[in-house]
Amino acid sequence: MALRLSIGQYYAADSPVHRLDPRAKIICALLIMVSVFFIHTPAQLALGFVVMLAAVACSHVPVSKVLDSIKPIVVVLLILSLFNLFLVNTGEVLVSLGPLRITTDSLRAALLYSLRLVIGVLAGALILLTTTPSQLTDAFDALLAPLAQVGLPAHELAMVFSLMLRFIPTLADEASAVMDAQTSRGGALSEGSPIKRIRAVVPILVALLASSIHHANDLSRALDARCYEGGAARSHWHPLHMQTVDWLVLGATALYFFALILLGALLPY
């Protein structure tokens, strides 16, 4: 049984989004993620999706690849929208199903609040699809560098983030191999009672924990062999330089943020 996991996987392409400075992409993605909490009207939601769809089109990443990367999170948002649909009781009743009622406010909350989070998820997925782990590490290292003046280990935090992205596909492959081995021994997760299925997860978790410790031990030996020292000043093979287009994209993202707020004030419903 193959375990496909697209989160954190880079998609190589020659596009305007790929060529942007990774620091600019991170700041833009963070602004878009924060902006979703200011979306309270359908007009704001439409503006957010127009901007994100334009960004996806400029990235030259296939839509199927983008959908695969956000599918697990969208499923969670769909479940949360069902809670909003049936637990919010204010507003005019549209449908009554015994103790469950669907009202205008519950329908609005189920659609609006879930869809606005999709915009933030798309922004996060797009930056991972268009930026290599090395570029992300350099960008976080540069953005966190001022905090190193107050004792924060900025470079080490950036490296840990990079290693996390690097080992997500590795652990996914190993989880798939362990699950296949358990299935061949009659311990499939899709068979038996719920209690039996829960017990079948325990050996998989133990095997993954042991594998993670093994990888961490190997990584520490590799760092020691290369004389790695935390906090030491380092140069970069490809130094980051902000170009004019990067500043223009940052300005356009800030303009979108203010336009979103202005649209909410002009069209509050």
Protein backbone atom coordinates (compact mmCIF):
# COMPACT_ATOMS: atom_id res chain seq x y z
CA MET A 1 0.00 0.00 0.00
CA ALA A 2 1.61 3.23 -1.15
CA LEU A 3 1.46 6.22 1.14
CA ARG A 4 1.48 9.31 -1.04
CA LEU A 5 2.37 12.53 0.71
CA SER A 6 2.77 15.72 -1.30
CA ILE A 7 3.28 18.14 1.57
CA GLY A 8 6.68 19.81 1.38
CA GLN A 9 7.53 18.47 -2.08
CA TYR A 10 9.11 20.91 -4.53
CA TYR A 11 7.82 21.13 -8.11
CA ALA A 12 10.54 22.25 -10.53
CA ALA A 13 9.44 24.79 -13.14
CA ASP A 14 10.61 28.03 -14.70
CA SER A 15 8.01 30.54 -13.62
CA PRO A 16 7.90 34.10 -12.22
CA VAL A 17 6.94 32.68 -8.82
CA HIS A 18 9.86 30.22 -8.78
CA ARG A 19 12.30 33.04 -9.61
CA LEU A 20 11.18 35.28 -6.76
CA ASP A 21 13.43 35.75 -3.77
CA PRO A 22 12.39 33.18 -1.13
CA ARG A 23 12.25 35.91 1.53
CA ALA A 24 9.70 37.82 -0.54
CA LYS A 25 7.65 34.65 -1.02
CA ILE A 26 7.65 33.89 2.71
CA ILE A 27 6.57 37.42 3.65
CA CYS A 28 3.83 37.41 0.98
CA ALA A 29 2.57 34.02 2.12
CA LEU A 30 2.47 35.17 5.75
CA LEU A 31 0.55 38.33 4.78
CA ILE A 32 -2.00 36.27 2.85
CA MET A 33 -2.37 33.82 5.74
CA VAL A 34 -2.98 36.68 8.17
CA SER A 35 -5.40 38.35 5.75
CA VAL A 36 -7.79 35.37 5.79
CA PHE A 37 -8.85 36.34 9.33
CA PHE A 38 -10.07 39.68 7.94
CA ILE A 39 -12.37 37.98 5.42
CA HIS A 40 -15.97 38.27 6.61
CA THR A 41 -17.94 38.87 3.40
CA PRO A 42 -18.42 37.03 0.09
CA ALA A 43 -16.82 39.95 -1.78
CA GLN A 44 -13.64 39.66 0.29
CA LEU A 45 -13.66 35.90 -0.21
CA ALA A 46 -13.95 36.33 -3.98
CA LEU A 47 -11.04 38.79 -3.99
CA GLY A 48 -8.88 36.37 -2.00
CA PHE A 49 -9.55 33.49 -4.38
CA VAL A 50 -8.90 35.67 -7.43
CA VAL A 51 -5.48 36.64 -6.05
CA MET A 52 -4.56 33.05 -5.13
CA LEU A 53 -5.74 31.62 -8.45
CA ALA A 54 -3.67 34.25 -10.25
CA ALA A 55 -0.64 33.24 -8.16
CA VAL A 56 -1.19 29.56 -8.98
CA ALA A 57 -1.47 30.40 -12.69
CA CYS A 58 1.80 32.38 -12.56
CA SER A 59 3.58 29.50 -10.80
CA HIS A 60 3.06 27.09 -13.74
CA VAL A 61 2.35 24.33 -11.20
CA PRO A 62 -0.35 21.91 -12.46
CA VAL A 63 -3.67 22.33 -10.68
CA SER A 64 -3.72 18.60 -9.91
CA LYS A 65 -0.40 18.94 -8.07
CA VAL A 66 -1.72 21.85 -6.02
CA LEU A 67 -4.91 19.98 -5.15
CA ASP A 68 -2.94 16.89 -4.10
CA SER A 69 -0.83 18.98 -1.73
CA ILE A 70 -3.83 20.57 0.03
CA LYS A 71 -6.22 17.60 -0.07
CA PRO A 72 -5.56 16.31 3.51
CA ILE A 73 -6.08 19.76 5.04
CA VAL A 74 -9.17 20.45 2.94
CA VAL A 75 -10.72 17.23 4.27
CA VAL A 76 -10.19 18.49 7.82
CA LEU A 77 -11.74 21.86 6.90
CA LEU A 78 -14.72 20.04 5.39
CA ILE A 79 -15.31 18.22 8.67
CA LEU A 80 -15.06 21.48 10.61
CA SER A 81 -17.56 23.11 8.24
CA LEU A 82 -20.08 20.37 9.10
CA PHE A 83 -19.72 21.28 12.78
CA ASN A 84 -20.46 24.92 11.94
CA LEU A 85 -23.39 23.87 9.77
CA PHE A 86 -25.18 21.95 12.51
CA LEU A 87 -24.00 23.63 15.73
CA VAL A 88 -24.62 27.31 14.89
CA ASN A 89 -28.28 27.98 15.73
CA THR A 90 -28.61 31.72 15.18
CA GLY A 91 -30.34 33.21 12.14
CA GLU A 92 -33.36 32.20 10.11
CA VAL A 93 -34.10 28.48 9.95
CA LEU A 94 -33.73 27.08 6.43
CA VAL A 95 -33.95 23.32 7.04
CA SER A 96 -35.01 21.43 10.15
CA LEU A 97 -33.97 17.78 10.56
CA GLY A 98 -35.27 16.83 13.98
CA PRO A 99 -32.87 18.26 16.57
CA LEU A 100 -30.57 19.48 13.80
CA ARG A 101 -31.29 22.80 12.15
CA ILE A 102 -29.59 24.59 9.28
CA THR A 103 -29.88 28.35 9.59
CA THR A 104 -28.69 31.27 7.51
CA ASP A 105 -25.88 31.97 9.97
CA SER A 106 -24.79 28.33 10.14
CA LEU A 107 -24.70 28.04 6.35
CA ARG A 108 -22.71 31.27 6.12
CA ALA A 109 -20.26 30.10 8.79
CA ALA A 110 -19.84 26.65 7.18
CA LEU A 111 -19.04 28.12 3.78
CA LEU A 112 -17.28 31.40 4.54
CA TYR A 113 -15.04 30.38 7.42
CA SER A 114 -13.92 27.14 5.77
CA LEU A 115 -13.31 28.62 2.33
CA ARG A 116 -11.31 31.54 3.69
CA LEU A 117 -8.92 29.11 5.36
CA VAL A 118 -8.44 27.40 2.00
CA ILE A 119 -6.85 30.64 0.78
CA GLY A 120 -4.24 30.45 3.54
CA VAL A 121 -3.65 26.76 2.86
CA LEU A 122 -3.12 27.52 -0.84
CA ALA A 123 -0.58 30.21 0.03
CA GLY A 124 1.37 27.79 2.22
CA ALA A 125 1.21 25.00 -0.36
CA LEU A 126 2.33 27.30 -3.17
CA ILE A 127 5.44 28.47 -1.36
CA LEU A 128 6.47 24.84 -0.66
CA LEU A 129 5.81 23.83 -4.27
CA THR A 130 7.84 26.70 -5.74
CA THR A 131 10.72 26.94 -3.25
CA THR A 132 13.41 24.36 -2.55
CA PRO A 133 14.17 23.37 1.06
CA SER A 134 17.63 24.97 0.72
CA GLN A 135 16.09 28.26 -0.39
CA LEU A 136 13.61 28.14 2.47
CA THR A 137 16.44 27.50 4.93
CA ASP A 138 18.45 30.46 3.61
CA ALA A 139 15.37 32.69 3.67
CA PHE A 140 14.43 31.79 7.24
CA ASP A 141 18.06 32.18 8.27
CA ALA A 142 18.14 35.69 6.78
CA LEU A 143 14.76 36.71 8.21
CA LEU A 144 15.61 35.44 11.69
CA ALA A 145 19.14 36.84 11.67
CA PRO A 146 18.20 40.05 13.56
CA LEU A 147 16.85 37.91 16.40
CA ALA A 148 20.27 36.31 16.80
CA GLN A 149 21.39 39.58 18.36
CA VAL A 150 19.20 38.78 21.39
CA GLY A 151 20.43 35.20 21.74
CA LEU A 152 17.93 33.35 19.53
CA PRO A 153 19.64 30.52 17.57
CA ALA A 154 18.31 31.71 14.21
CA HIS A 155 20.51 29.54 12.00
CA GLU A 156 19.81 26.39 14.01
CA LEU A 157 16.05 27.00 13.87
CA ALA A 158 16.22 27.46 10.10
CA MET A 159 18.23 24.27 9.71
CA VAL A 160 15.76 22.30 11.85
CA PHE A 161 12.94 23.58 9.64
CA SER A 162 14.83 22.46 6.53
CA LEU A 163 15.49 19.01 7.98
CA MET A 164 11.83 18.65 8.89
CA LEU A 165 10.82 19.24 5.27
CA ARG A 166 13.57 16.90 4.07
CA PHE A 167 12.47 13.97 6.21
CA ILE A 168 8.69 14.20 5.65
CA PRO A 169 8.87 12.17 2.38
CA THR A 170 11.42 9.78 3.92
CA LEU A 171 9.22 8.98 6.93
CA ALA A 172 6.19 8.67 4.66
CA ASP A 173 7.99 6.05 2.55
CA GLU A 174 9.07 4.17 5.67
CA ALA A 175 5.53 4.28 7.07
CA SER A 176 4.29 2.78 3.81
CA ALA A 177 6.89 -0.02 4.03
CA VAL A 178 5.98 -0.80 7.65
CA MET A 179 2.27 -0.85 6.82
CA ASP A 180 2.92 -3.24 3.93
CA ALA A 181 4.90 -5.49 6.26
CA GLN A 182 2.11 -5.45 8.84
CA THR A 183 -0.44 -6.29 6.16
CA SER A 184 1.62 -9.28 5.00
CA ARG A 185 1.61 -10.51 8.62
CA GLY A 186 -2.17 -10.19 8.90
CA GLY A 187 -2.17 -6.91 10.80
CA ALA A 188 -3.89 -4.69 8.22
CA LEU A 189 -5.32 -1.43 9.55
CA SER A 190 -8.48 -1.80 7.47
CA GLU A 191 -9.59 -5.10 8.98
CA GLY A 192 -11.10 -6.13 12.29
CA SER A 193 -12.87 -4.21 15.03
CA PRO A 194 -12.00 -0.58 15.90
CA ILE A 195 -10.04 -1.78 18.95
CA LYS A 196 -8.03 -4.17 16.79
CA ARG A 197 -7.29 -1.42 14.28
CA ILE A 198 -6.07 0.89 17.04
CA ARG A 199 -3.80 -1.84 18.36
CA ALA A 200 -2.44 -2.42 14.86
CA VAL A 201 -1.26 1.21 14.78
CA VAL A 202 1.02 0.74 17.82
CA PRO A 203 3.69 -1.39 16.06
CA ILE A 204 3.77 1.08 13.18
CA LEU A 205 4.33 4.02 15.53
CA VAL A 206 7.04 2.14 17.42
CA ALA A 207 8.83 1.28 14.16
CA LEU A 208 8.62 4.88 12.95
CA LEU A 209 9.90 6.18 16.28
CA ALA A 210 12.87 3.81 16.13
CA SER A 211 13.54 4.83 12.53
CA SER A 212 13.37 8.54 13.42
CA ILE A 213 15.88 8.06 16.25
CA HIS A 214 18.15 6.14 13.88
CA HIS A 215 18.00 8.96 11.29
CA ALA A 216 18.67 11.57 13.99
CA ASN A 217 21.70 9.61 15.21
CA ASP A 218 23.08 9.28 11.67
CA LEU A 219 22.50 12.98 11.05
CA SER A 220 24.33 13.99 14.23
CA ARG A 221 27.32 11.82 13.22
CA ALA A 222 27.33 13.40 9.76
CA LEU A 223 27.32 16.90 11.29
CA ASP A 224 30.16 15.97 13.64
CA ALA A 225 32.15 14.51 10.74
CA ARG A 226 31.79 17.83 8.90
CA CYS A 227 32.85 19.80 12.00
CA TYR A 228 29.50 21.54 12.27
CA GLU A 229 29.38 24.10 15.06
CA GLY A 230 26.18 25.85 16.07
CA GLY A 231 26.32 29.63 15.97
CA ALA A 232 29.38 29.81 13.73
CA ALA A 233 29.33 32.45 10.99
CA ARG A 234 28.72 30.92 7.56
CA SER A 235 28.74 32.10 3.98
CA HIS A 236 26.27 31.01 1.29
CA TRP A 237 26.93 29.51 -2.11
CA HIS A 238 23.99 31.47 -3.57
CA PRO A 239 23.60 34.73 -1.62
CA LEU A 240 20.09 36.16 -1.59
CA HIS A 241 19.50 39.49 -3.34
CA MET A 242 16.16 41.28 -3.47
CA GLN A 243 15.38 42.43 -7.01
CA THR A 244 12.95 45.11 -8.18
CA VAL A 245 10.32 42.50 -9.02
CA ASP A 246 10.51 41.16 -5.46
CA TRP A 247 9.74 44.58 -4.00
CA LEU A 248 6.90 45.01 -6.51
CA VAL A 249 5.36 41.70 -5.45
CA LEU A 250 5.66 42.70 -1.78
CA GLY A 251 3.95 45.99 -2.56
CA ALA A 252 1.19 44.24 -4.51
CA THR A 253 0.58 41.85 -1.60
CA ALA A 254 0.39 44.76 0.86
CA LEU A 255 -2.02 46.51 -1.53
CA TYR A 256 -4.18 43.37 -1.59
CA PHE A 257 -4.21 43.31 2.21
CA PHE A 258 -5.42 46.91 2.45
CA ALA A 259 -7.90 46.41 -0.41
CA LEU A 260 -9.35 43.46 1.49
CA ILE A 261 -9.89 45.58 4.59
CA LEU A 262 -11.33 48.46 2.54
CA LEU A 263 -13.70 46.13 0.72
CA GLY A 264 -14.97 44.81 4.05
CA ALA A 265 -15.66 48.38 5.21
CA LEU A 266 -17.45 49.38 1.99
CA LEU A 267 -19.41 46.13 1.58
CA PRO A 268 -19.96 44.77 5.10
CA TYR A 269 -22.52 42.19 3.96
